[in-house]
């Protein structure tokens, strides 16, 4: 697999993971009226930072 294809696959995996985490967080807020823990928000922000670094590294 080429380097570009591998990066693309890595980005897809990161995006799917982020989407799933954000979907769970959204459901908790809208249906259960529970705000996410600050460390949970921080963890997702860190994942987004990792994704940004992956995208920017060319």
Protein backbone atom coordinates (compact mmCIF):
# COMPACT_ATOMS: atom_id res chain seq x y z
CA UNK A 1 0.00 0.00 0.00
CA UNK A 2 1.40 3.41 -0.90
CA UNK A 3 2.10 6.04 1.70
CA UNK A 4 -0.75 8.24 0.46
CA UNK A 5 -3.25 5.39 0.56
CA UNK A 6 -2.13 4.47 4.07
CA UNK A 7 -2.56 8.06 5.27
CA UNK A 8 -5.98 8.19 3.66
CA UNK A 9 -6.98 4.98 5.43
CA UNK A 10 -5.64 6.32 8.73
CA UNK A 11 -7.68 9.49 8.31
CA UNK A 12 -10.81 7.44 7.63
CA UNK A 13 -10.24 5.39 10.78
CA UNK A 14 -9.71 8.53 12.88
CA UNK A 15 -12.82 10.18 11.45
CA UNK A 16 -14.99 7.12 12.08
CA UNK A 17 -13.75 6.95 15.67
CA UNK A 18 -14.35 10.67 16.25
CA UNK A 19 -17.80 10.46 14.70
CA UNK A 20 -18.76 7.56 16.93
CA UNK A 21 -17.49 9.33 20.06
CA UNK A 22 -19.28 12.56 19.17
CA UNK A 23 -22.49 10.69 18.36
CA UNK A 24 -22.45 9.03 21.80
CA UNK A 25 -21.77 12.38 23.44
CA UNK A 26 -24.61 14.03 21.50
CA UNK A 27 -27.07 11.32 22.50
CA UNK A 28 -26.09 11.67 26.15
CA UNK A 29 -26.66 15.41 26.01
CA UNK A 30 -29.92 15.38 24.05
CA UNK A 31 -31.63 12.27 25.40
CA UNK A 32 -30.26 11.83 28.89
CA UNK A 33 -29.53 15.53 29.55
CA UNK A 34 -26.05 14.60 30.77
CA UNK A 35 -23.14 16.88 30.03
CA UNK A 36 -19.91 15.13 29.04
CA UNK A 37 -17.06 14.95 31.50
CA UNK A 38 -14.30 17.51 30.83
CA UNK A 39 -11.72 14.75 30.40
CA UNK A 40 -13.94 13.09 27.77
CA UNK A 41 -14.09 16.35 25.82
CA UNK A 42 -10.32 16.74 26.19
CA UNK A 43 -9.78 13.19 24.89
CA UNK A 44 -11.81 13.90 21.77
CA UNK A 45 -9.98 17.19 21.25
CA UNK A 46 -6.68 15.32 21.47
CA UNK A 47 -7.90 12.84 18.86
CA UNK A 48 -8.85 15.73 16.60
CA UNK A 49 -5.38 17.22 17.05
CA UNK A 50 -3.83 13.88 16.08
CA UNK A 51 -6.00 13.78 12.99
CA UNK A 52 -5.00 17.30 12.04
CA UNK A 53 -1.32 16.41 12.39
CA UNK A 54 -1.85 13.33 10.25
CA UNK A 55 -3.57 15.36 7.54
CA UNK A 56 -0.97 18.12 7.57
CA UNK A 57 2.01 15.76 7.39
CA UNK A 58 2.79 15.40 3.71
